[in-house]
Amino acid sequence: MSFSHKLVKKGDIVALSKNKIIIIFSIVLVFIIAIFINYNLLNNYNVTLQYPLSNKIIVIDPGHGGIDPGKVGLYGEDEKYINLKISSRLKELLESAGATVIMTREDNEGLYVESVQNRLWHKNEDMIKRRRLIRDSDGDIMVSIHMNSYPDSRIFGAQTFYLKGDESSEKLGKLVQEELVEISFKFNKREAKANDTYFILKGNDMPSLVIECGFLSNVEEEQMLNEEEYQKKLAWAILKGIVRYFYEQ
């Protein structure tokens, strides 16, 4: 074998080594880029999981308040107090999920002028101000928290109501209802129901619900509704339904 032939072969080896280095470097570079992309995607995914309601505005309307007690339980507890407790717990959960929360009331006062001593006028002014606040909120969802009552004390169970003909509200109502059924202290066969009489649901430009969290006329359910742990479960169920609404298309 000639000396020149040996030089050529050495040159080939050097060139081959350089090519290997380039290939290996390219693979490593691609691998690093892939890790970087996946890391960012994973971070964004984790942020979404941690704050699923980021950039969402949720309006909570704790029903009644002030001189309007709402329903009165068998043991004398006013609906307005329970509504506010559940609403406050829901507010905390929603904010933990990244949402901005607007409450129509944050204490036990009504939205009316005290100096005018007319109960009907108070009620009308209160409802008008609530609806105006909801409309001006630029919210993504509105939920109005209430308690139910019925002459037959055997009746129980949480139920959502949406404006008849409003498909977005119907979807939200069904999802929240599913979650409420899951945490019910008894088997709850109730379903989300259309309604065309609730004043608070009319004229809103966002999915809106009235959520009747249970019956104060049922001894067992009234007791549950007054318990902090069950109030937390109700708030958690409503939160889950709201999150599902935005992510289950």
C-alpha atoms as a PDB file:
ATOM      1  CA  MET A   1       0.000   0.000   0.000  1.00  0.00           C
ATOM      2  CA  SER A   2       1.441   3.417  -1.019  1.00  0.00           C
ATOM      3  CA  PHE A   3       2.135   6.287   1.372  1.00  0.00           C
ATOM      4  CA  SER A   4      -0.311   8.553  -0.483  1.00  0.00           C
ATOM      5  CA  HIS A   5      -3.050   5.965  -0.185  1.00  0.00           C
ATOM      6  CA  LYS A   6      -2.468   5.874   3.567  1.00  0.00           C
ATOM      7  CA  LEU A   7      -2.750   9.678   3.734  1.00  0.00           C
ATOM      8  CA  VAL A   8      -6.071   9.578   1.899  1.00  0.00           C
ATOM      9  CA  LYS A   9      -7.429   7.027   4.312  1.00  0.00           C
ATOM     10  CA  LYS A  10      -6.310   9.132   7.276  1.00  0.00           C
ATOM     11  CA  GLY A  11      -8.042  12.128   5.694  1.00  0.00           C
ATOM     12  CA  ASP A  12     -11.201  10.107   5.326  1.00  0.00           C
ATOM     13  CA  ILE A  13     -10.993   9.154   8.963  1.00  0.00           C
ATOM     14  CA  VAL A  14     -10.546  12.783  10.022  1.00  0.00           C
ATOM     15  CA  ALA A  15     -13.480  13.868   7.841  1.00  0.00           C
ATOM     16  CA  LEU A  16     -15.594  11.022   9.188  1.00  0.00           C
ATOM     17  CA  SER A  17     -14.744  12.012  12.760  1.00  0.00           C
ATOM     18  CA  LYS A  18     -15.769  15.601  12.048  1.00  0.00           C
ATOM     19  CA  ASN A  19     -19.038  14.390  10.561  1.00  0.00           C
ATOM     20  CA  LYS A  20     -19.679  12.266  13.631  1.00  0.00           C
ATOM     21  CA  ILE A  21     -19.029  15.248  15.878  1.00  0.00           C
ATOM     22  CA  ILE A  22     -21.428  17.390  13.842  1.00  0.00           C
ATOM     23  CA  ILE A  23     -24.088  14.677  13.918  1.00  0.00           C
ATOM     24  CA  ILE A  24     -23.688  14.107  17.659  1.00  0.00           C
ATOM     25  CA  PHE A  25     -23.729  17.849  18.298  1.00  0.00           C
ATOM     26  CA  SER A  26     -26.902  18.197  16.206  1.00  0.00           C
ATOM     27  CA  ILE A  27     -28.598  15.373  18.096  1.00  0.00           C
ATOM     28  CA  VAL A  28     -27.646  16.898  21.443  1.00  0.00           C
ATOM     29  CA  LEU A  29     -28.861  20.311  20.274  1.00  0.00           C
ATOM     30  CA  VAL A  30     -32.198  18.878  19.124  1.00  0.00           C
ATOM     31  CA  PHE A  31     -32.498  17.029  22.427  1.00  0.00           C
ATOM     32  CA  ILE A  32     -31.828  20.235  24.400  1.00  0.00           C
ATOM     33  CA  ILE A  33     -34.361  22.160  22.314  1.00  0.00           C
ATOM     34  CA  ALA A  34     -36.930  19.388  22.826  1.00  0.00           C
ATOM     35  CA  ILE A  35     -36.365  19.490  26.586  1.00  0.00           C
ATOM     36  CA  PHE A  36     -36.720  23.280  26.557  1.00  0.00           C
ATOM     37  CA  ILE A  37     -39.972  23.125  24.574  1.00  0.00           C
ATOM     38  CA  ASN A  38     -41.395  20.345  26.726  1.00  0.00           C
ATOM     39  CA  TYR A  39     -40.373  22.195  29.891  1.00  0.00           C
ATOM     40  CA  ASN A  40     -42.221  25.300  28.762  1.00  0.00           C
ATOM     41  CA  LEU A  41     -45.252  23.294  27.689  1.00  0.00           C
ATOM     42  CA  LEU A  42     -45.225  21.453  31.004  1.00  0.00           C
ATOM     43  CA  ASN A  43     -44.934  24.720  32.899  1.00  0.00           C
ATOM     44  CA  ASN A  44     -47.851  26.179  30.964  1.00  0.00           C
ATOM     45  CA  TYR A  45     -49.826  22.992  31.582  1.00  0.00           C
ATOM     46  CA  ASN A  46     -49.072  23.173  35.303  1.00  0.00           C
ATOM     47  CA  VAL A  47     -50.133  26.817  35.381  1.00  0.00           C
ATOM     48  CA  THR A  48     -53.383  25.831  33.665  1.00  0.00           C
ATOM     49  CA  LEU A  49     -53.928  23.053  36.193  1.00  0.00           C
ATOM     50  CA  GLN A  50     -53.118  25.331  39.111  1.00  0.00           C
ATOM     51  CA  TYR A  51     -55.106  28.319  37.830  1.00  0.00           C
ATOM     52  CA  PRO A  52     -57.773  26.883  35.497  1.00  0.00           C
ATOM     53  CA  LEU A  53     -59.915  30.025  35.808  1.00  0.00           C
ATOM     54  CA  SER A  54     -57.178  32.553  35.140  1.00  0.00           C
ATOM     55  CA  ASN A  55     -58.555  35.642  33.326  1.00  0.00           C
ATOM     56  CA  LYS A  56     -62.145  34.604  34.086  1.00  0.00           C
ATOM     57  CA  ILE A  57     -64.594  36.869  35.909  1.00  0.00           C
ATOM     58  CA  ILE A  58     -67.196  35.070  37.998  1.00  0.00           C
ATOM     59  CA  VAL A  59     -70.121  36.913  39.562  1.00  0.00           C
ATOM     60  CA  ILE A  60     -71.626  35.431  42.734  1.00  0.00           C
ATOM     61  CA  ASP A  61     -75.020  36.623  43.906  1.00  0.00           C
ATOM     62  CA  PRO A  62     -75.790  35.552  47.494  1.00  0.00           C
ATOM     63  CA  GLY A  63     -79.576  35.642  47.451  1.00  0.00           C
ATOM     64  CA  HIS A  64     -81.645  37.899  49.750  1.00  0.00           C
ATOM     65  CA  GLY A  65     -80.114  39.978  52.574  1.00  0.00           C
ATOM     66  CA  GLY A  66     -81.017  42.893  54.812  1.00  0.00           C
ATOM     67  CA  ILE A  67     -84.706  42.948  55.706  1.00  0.00           C
ATOM     68  CA  ASP A  68     -85.287  40.077  53.256  1.00  0.00           C
ATOM     69  CA  PRO A  69     -84.431  36.832  55.090  1.00  0.00           C
ATOM     70  CA  GLY A  70     -85.424  34.536  52.244  1.00  0.00           C
ATOM     71  CA  LYS A  71     -86.677  31.138  53.370  1.00  0.00           C
ATOM     72  CA  VAL A  72     -86.639  30.408  57.092  1.00  0.00           C
ATOM     73  CA  GLY A  73     -85.503  26.968  58.228  1.00  0.00           C
ATOM     74  CA  LEU A  74     -87.357  24.661  60.588  1.00  0.00           C
ATOM     75  CA  TYR A  75     -84.953  25.697  63.348  1.00  0.00           C
ATOM     76  CA  GLY A  76     -85.238  29.395  62.560  1.00  0.00           C
ATOM     77  CA  GLU A  77     -82.105  29.944  60.461  1.00  0.00           C
ATOM     78  CA  ASP A  78     -82.574  32.588  57.742  1.00  0.00           C
ATOM     79  CA  GLU A  79     -81.682  31.621  54.204  1.00  0.00           C
ATOM     80  CA  LYS A  80     -79.757  34.873  53.652  1.00  0.00           C
ATOM     81  CA  TYR A  81     -77.041  33.843  56.139  1.00  0.00           C
ATOM     82  CA  ILE A  82     -76.488  30.401  54.617  1.00  0.00           C
ATOM     83  CA  ASN A  83     -76.433  31.872  51.104  1.00  0.00           C
ATOM     84  CA  LEU A  84     -73.668  34.263  52.110  1.00  0.00           C
ATOM     85  CA  LYS A  85     -71.605  31.576  53.859  1.00  0.00           C
ATOM     86  CA  ILE A  86     -71.662  29.265  50.836  1.00  0.00           C
ATOM     87  CA  SER A  87     -71.004  32.191  48.485  1.00  0.00           C
ATOM     88  CA  SER A  88     -67.996  33.298  50.547  1.00  0.00           C
ATOM     89  CA  ARG A  89     -66.549  29.781  50.499  1.00  0.00           C
ATOM     90  CA  LEU A  90     -67.121  29.600  46.745  1.00  0.00           C
ATOM     91  CA  LYS A  91     -65.386  32.965  46.305  1.00  0.00           C
ATOM     92  CA  GLU A  92     -62.272  31.651  48.072  1.00  0.00           C
ATOM     93  CA  LEU A  93     -62.158  28.554  45.883  1.00  0.00           C
ATOM     94  CA  LEU A  94     -62.684  30.502  42.662  1.00  0.00           C
ATOM     95  CA  GLU A  95     -59.941  32.971  43.544  1.00  0.00           C
ATOM     96  CA  SER A  96     -57.610  30.073  44.375  1.00  0.00           C
ATOM     97  CA  ALA A  97     -58.311  28.795  40.850  1.00  0.00           C
ATOM     98  CA  GLY A  98     -57.252  32.141  39.380  1.00  0.00           C
ATOM     99  CA  ALA A  99     -60.637  33.788  38.845  1.00  0.00           C
ATOM    100  CA  THR A 100     -61.596  37.362  39.581  1.00  0.00           C
ATOM    101  CA  VAL A 101     -64.742  37.254  41.718  1.00  0.00           C
ATOM    102  CA  ILE A 102     -67.421  39.912  42.036  1.00  0.00           C
ATOM    103  CA  MET A 103     -70.006  39.560  44.816  1.00  0.00           C
ATOM    104  CA  THR A 104     -73.338  41.376  44.678  1.00  0.00           C
ATOM    105  CA  ARG A 105     -73.163  41.528  48.479  1.00  0.00           C
ATOM    106  CA  GLU A 106     -70.435  40.615  50.976  1.00  0.00           C
ATOM    107  CA  ASP A 107     -72.349  41.235  54.181  1.00  0.00           C
ATOM    108  CA  ASN A 108     -75.898  40.801  55.433  1.00  0.00           C
ATOM    109  CA  GLU A 109     -77.116  44.170  54.179  1.00  0.00           C
ATOM    110  CA  GLY A 110     -79.460  44.548  51.236  1.00  0.00           C
ATOM    111  CA  LEU A 111     -78.789  46.704  48.171  1.00  0.00           C
ATOM    112  CA  TYR A 112     -81.270  49.455  48.970  1.00  0.00           C
ATOM    113  CA  VAL A 113     -81.586  52.799  50.758  1.00  0.00           C
ATOM    114  CA  GLU A 114     -82.439  52.232  54.424  1.00  0.00           C
ATOM    115  CA  SER A 115     -84.203  55.583  54.826  1.00  0.00           C
ATOM    116  CA  VAL A 116     -87.131  54.466  52.699  1.00  0.00           C
ATOM    117  CA  GLN A 117     -89.304  52.299  54.942  1.00  0.00           C
ATOM    118  CA  ASN A 118     -91.134  50.261  52.365  1.00  0.00           C
ATOM    119  CA  ARG A 119     -90.423  46.543  52.152  1.00  0.00           C
ATOM    120  CA  LEU A 120     -91.672  46.108  48.583  1.00  0.00           C
ATOM    121  CA  TRP A 121     -89.690  49.132  47.431  1.00  0.00           C
ATOM    122  CA  HIS A 122     -86.607  47.726  49.164  1.00  0.00           C
ATOM    123  CA  LYS A 123     -87.003  44.404  47.370  1.00  0.00           C
ATOM    124  CA  ASN A 124     -87.467  46.004  43.960  1.00  0.00           C
ATOM    125  CA  GLU A 125     -84.498  48.344  44.400  1.00  0.00           C
ATOM    126  CA  ASP A 126     -82.359  45.475  45.656  1.00  0.00           C
ATOM    127  CA  MET A 127     -83.104  43.292  42.630  1.00  0.00           C
ATOM    128  CA  ILE A 128     -82.614  46.130  40.147  1.00  0.00           C
ATOM    129  CA  LYS A 129     -79.215  46.985  41.652  1.00  0.00           C
ATOM    130  CA  ARG A 130     -78.131  43.338  41.641  1.00  0.00           C
ATOM    131  CA  ARG A 131     -78.998  42.925  37.993  1.00  0.00           C
ATOM    132  CA  ARG A 132     -77.287  46.203  37.077  1.00  0.00           C
ATOM    133  CA  LEU A 133     -74.156  45.090  38.929  1.00  0.00           C
ATOM    134  CA  ILE A 134     -74.220  41.763  37.082  1.00  0.00           C
ATOM    135  CA  ARG A 135     -74.650  43.434  33.692  1.00  0.00           C
ATOM    136  CA  ASP A 136     -71.845  45.935  34.361  1.00  0.00           C
ATOM    137  CA  SER A 137     -69.413  43.290  35.623  1.00  0.00           C
ATOM    138  CA  ASP A 138     -68.231  42.073  32.208  1.00  0.00           C
ATOM    139  CA  GLY A 139     -68.397  38.645  33.814  1.00  0.00           C
ATOM    140  CA  ASP A 140     -67.965  35.251  32.180  1.00  0.00           C
ATOM    141  CA  ILE A 141     -70.426  33.446  34.474  1.00  0.00           C
ATOM    142  CA  MET A 142     -72.989  34.391  37.120  1.00  0.00           C
ATOM    143  CA  VAL A 143     -74.296  32.114  39.857  1.00  0.00           C
ATOM    144  CA  SER A 144     -77.001  33.136  42.321  1.00  0.00           C
ATOM    145  CA  ILE A 145     -76.934  31.095  45.533  1.00  0.00           C
ATOM    146  CA  HIS A 146     -80.238  30.244  47.228  1.00  0.00           C
ATOM    147  CA  MET A 147     -82.030  27.752  49.473  1.00  0.00           C
ATOM    148  CA  ASN A 148     -85.300  26.022  48.659  1.00  0.00           C
ATOM    149  CA  SER A 149     -88.402  25.160  50.682  1.00  0.00           C
ATOM    150  CA  TYR A 150     -91.537  23.089  50.172  1.00  0.00           C
ATOM    151  CA  PRO A 151     -94.625  22.157  52.234  1.00  0.00           C
ATOM    152  CA  ASP A 152     -93.741  18.461  52.001  1.00  0.00           C
ATOM    153  CA  SER A 153     -90.788  18.096  54.392  1.00  0.00           C
ATOM    154  CA  ARG A 154     -89.659  14.878  52.701  1.00  0.00           C
ATOM    155  CA  ILE A 155     -88.517  16.783  49.605  1.00  0.00           C
ATOM    156  CA  PHE A 156     -84.763  17.430  49.405  1.00  0.00           C
ATOM    157  CA  GLY A 157     -81.890  17.958  47.007  1.00  0.00           C
ATOM    158  CA  ALA A 158     -79.848  20.707  45.356  1.00  0.00           C
ATOM    159  CA  GLN A 159     -80.916  21.863  41.905  1.00  0.00           C
ATOM    160  CA  THR A 160     -79.725  24.339  39.274  1.00  0.00           C
ATOM    161  CA  PHE A 161     -81.999  26.580  37.202  1.00  0.00           C
ATOM    162  CA  TYR A 162     -81.126  28.325  33.940  1.00  0.00           C
ATOM    163  CA  LEU A 163     -83.026  30.723  31.691  1.00  0.00           C
ATOM    164  CA  LYS A 164     -85.239  28.855  29.266  1.00  0.00           C
ATOM    165  CA  GLY A 165     -83.788  28.863  25.755  1.00  0.00           C
ATOM    166  CA  ASP A 166     -80.258  29.839  26.840  1.00  0.00           C
ATOM    167  CA  GLU A 167     -78.018  27.007  25.621  1.00  0.00           C
ATOM    168  CA  SER A 168     -74.825  28.207  27.344  1.00  0.00           C
ATOM    169  CA  SER A 169     -76.599  28.500  30.686  1.00  0.00           C
ATOM    170  CA  GLU A 170     -78.191  25.098  30.144  1.00  0.00           C
ATOM    171  CA  LYS A 171     -74.770  23.525  29.586  1.00  0.00           C
ATOM    172  CA  LEU A 172     -73.407  25.182  32.724  1.00  0.00           C
ATOM    173  CA  GLY A 173     -76.468  24.157  34.713  1.00  0.00           C
ATOM    174  CA  LYS A 174     -76.148  20.512  33.720  1.00  0.00           C
ATOM    175  CA  LEU A 175     -72.448  20.361  34.612  1.00  0.00           C
ATOM    176  CA  VAL A 176     -72.932  22.007  38.007  1.00  0.00           C
ATOM    177  CA  GLN A 177     -75.933  19.761  38.670  1.00  0.00           C
ATOM    178  CA  GLU A 178     -73.845  16.658  37.996  1.00  0.00           C
ATOM    179  CA  GLU A 179     -71.319  17.789  40.588  1.00  0.00           C
ATOM    180  CA  LEU A 180     -74.010  18.657  43.144  1.00  0.00           C
ATOM    181  CA  VAL A 181     -75.545  15.204  42.752  1.00  0.00           C
ATOM    182  CA  GLU A 182     -72.134  13.662  43.459  1.00  0.00           C
ATOM    183  CA  ILE A 183     -71.856  15.290  46.896  1.00  0.00           C
ATOM    184  CA  SER A 184     -75.500  14.931  47.923  1.00  0.00           C
ATOM    185  CA  PHE A 185     -76.049  13.390  51.363  1.00  0.00           C
ATOM    186  CA  LYS A 186     -78.790  11.229  49.803  1.00  0.00           C
ATOM    187  CA  PHE A 187     -79.464  10.026  46.276  1.00  0.00           C
ATOM    188  CA  ASN A 188     -80.477  13.164  44.399  1.00  0.00           C
ATOM    189  CA  LYS A 189     -82.320  12.503  41.146  1.00  0.00           C
ATOM    190  CA  ARG A 190     -82.865  16.183  40.366  1.00  0.00           C
ATOM    191  CA  GLU A 191     -81.752  17.607  37.027  1.00  0.00           C
ATOM    192  CA  ALA A 192     -80.905  21.097  35.790  1.00  0.00           C
ATOM    193  CA  LYS A 193     -84.180  22.812  34.966  1.00  0.00           C
ATOM    194  CA  ALA A 194     -85.203  25.606  32.588  1.00  0.00           C
ATOM    195  CA  ASN A 195     -86.956  28.595  34.130  1.00  0.00           C
ATOM    196  CA  ASP A 196     -88.474  31.760  32.674  1.00  0.00           C
ATOM    197  CA  THR A 197     -89.549  33.527  35.876  1.00  0.00           C
ATOM    198  CA  TYR A 198     -86.343  34.235  37.823  1.00  0.00           C
ATOM    199  CA  PHE A 199     -85.707  37.972  37.463  1.00  0.00           C
ATOM    200  CA  ILE A 200     -81.990  37.611  38.201  1.00  0.00           C
ATOM    201  CA  LEU A 201     -81.502  35.359  35.147  1.00  0.00           C
ATOM    202  CA  LYS A 202     -83.090  37.687  32.613  1.00  0.00           C
ATOM    203  CA  GLY A 203     -81.141  40.000  30.343  1.00  0.00           C
ATOM    204  CA  ASN A 204     -77.673  38.729  31.250  1.00  0.00           C
ATOM    205  CA  ASP A 205     -75.041  38.453  28.521  1.00  0.00           C
ATOM    206  CA  MET A 206     -73.239  35.604  30.285  1.00  0.00           C
ATOM    207  CA  PRO A 207     -74.200  32.035  31.298  1.00  0.00           C
ATOM    208  CA  SER A 208     -76.233  32.438  34.487  1.00  0.00           C
ATOM    209  CA  LEU A 209     -77.674  30.091  37.087  1.00  0.00           C
ATOM    210  CA  VAL A 210     -79.829  30.121  40.158  1.00  0.00           C
ATOM    211  CA  ILE A 211     -78.525  27.342  42.402  1.00  0.00           C
ATOM    212  CA  GLU A 212     -80.947  26.104  45.042  1.00  0.00           C
ATOM    213  CA  CYS A 213     -78.487  24.352  47.353  1.00  0.00           C
ATOM    214  CA  GLY A 214     -81.100  22.364  49.264  1.00  0.00           C
ATOM    215  CA  PHE A 215     -84.387  22.465  51.176  1.00  0.00           C
ATOM    216  CA  LEU A 216     -84.589  24.233  54.523  1.00  0.00           C
ATOM    217  CA  SER A 217     -87.961  22.514  54.936  1.00  0.00           C
ATOM    218  CA  ASN A 218     -86.241  19.124  55.184  1.00  0.00           C
ATOM    219  CA  VAL A 219     -84.925  18.508  58.719  1.00  0.00           C
ATOM    220  CA  GLU A 220     -81.894  16.479  57.703  1.00  0.00           C
ATOM    221  CA  GLU A 221     -80.923  18.702  54.805  1.00  0.00           C
ATOM    222  CA  GLU A 222     -81.360  21.901  56.819  1.00  0.00           C
ATOM    223  CA  GLN A 223     -78.932  20.521  59.384  1.00  0.00           C
ATOM    224  CA  MET A 224     -76.436  19.694  56.642  1.00  0.00           C
ATOM    225  CA  LEU A 225     -76.797  23.130  55.040  1.00  0.00           C
ATOM    226  CA  ASN A 226     -75.856  24.775  58.329  1.00  0.00           C
ATOM    227  CA  GLU A 227     -72.688  22.691  58.692  1.00  0.00           C
ATOM    228  CA  GLU A 228     -69.397  24.195  57.557  1.00  0.00           C
ATOM    229  CA  GLU A 229     -68.164  20.945  56.018  1.00  0.00           C
ATOM    230  CA  TYR A 230     -71.235  20.519  53.818  1.00  0.00           C
ATOM    231  CA  GLN A 231     -71.097  24.178  52.784  1.00  0.00           C
ATOM    232  CA  LYS A 232     -67.521  23.563  51.629  1.00  0.00           C
ATOM    233  CA  LYS A 233     -68.653  20.514  49.643  1.00  0.00           C
ATOM    234  CA  LEU A 234     -71.358  22.547  47.927  1.00  0.00           C
ATOM    235  CA  ALA A 235     -68.880  25.301  47.058  1.00  0.00           C
ATOM    236  CA  TRP A 236     -66.402  22.737  45.730  1.00  0.00           C
ATOM    237  CA  ALA A 237     -69.082  21.088  43.574  1.00  0.00           C
ATOM    238  CA  ILE A 238     -70.057  24.436  42.058  1.00  0.00           C
ATOM    239  CA  LEU A 239     -66.399  25.246  41.378  1.00  0.00           C
ATOM    240  CA  LYS A 240     -65.891  21.912  39.604  1.00  0.00           C
ATOM    241  CA  GLY A 241     -68.943  22.482  37.435  1.00  0.00           C
ATOM    242  CA  ILE A 242     -67.693  25.931  36.445  1.00  0.00           C
ATOM    243  CA  VAL A 243     -64.205  24.640  35.580  1.00  0.00           C
ATOM    244  CA  ARG A 244     -65.728  21.839  33.505  1.00  0.00           C
ATOM    245  CA  TYR A 245     -67.827  24.376  31.619  1.00  0.00           C
ATOM    246  CA  PHE A 246     -64.729  26.144  30.307  1.00  0.00           C
ATOM    247  CA  TYR A 247     -62.752  22.986  29.489  1.00  0.00           C
ATOM    248  CA  GLU A 248     -65.397  20.563  28.214  1.00  0.00           C
ATOM    249  CA  GLN A 249     -66.262  21.889  24.777  1.00  0.00           C
END
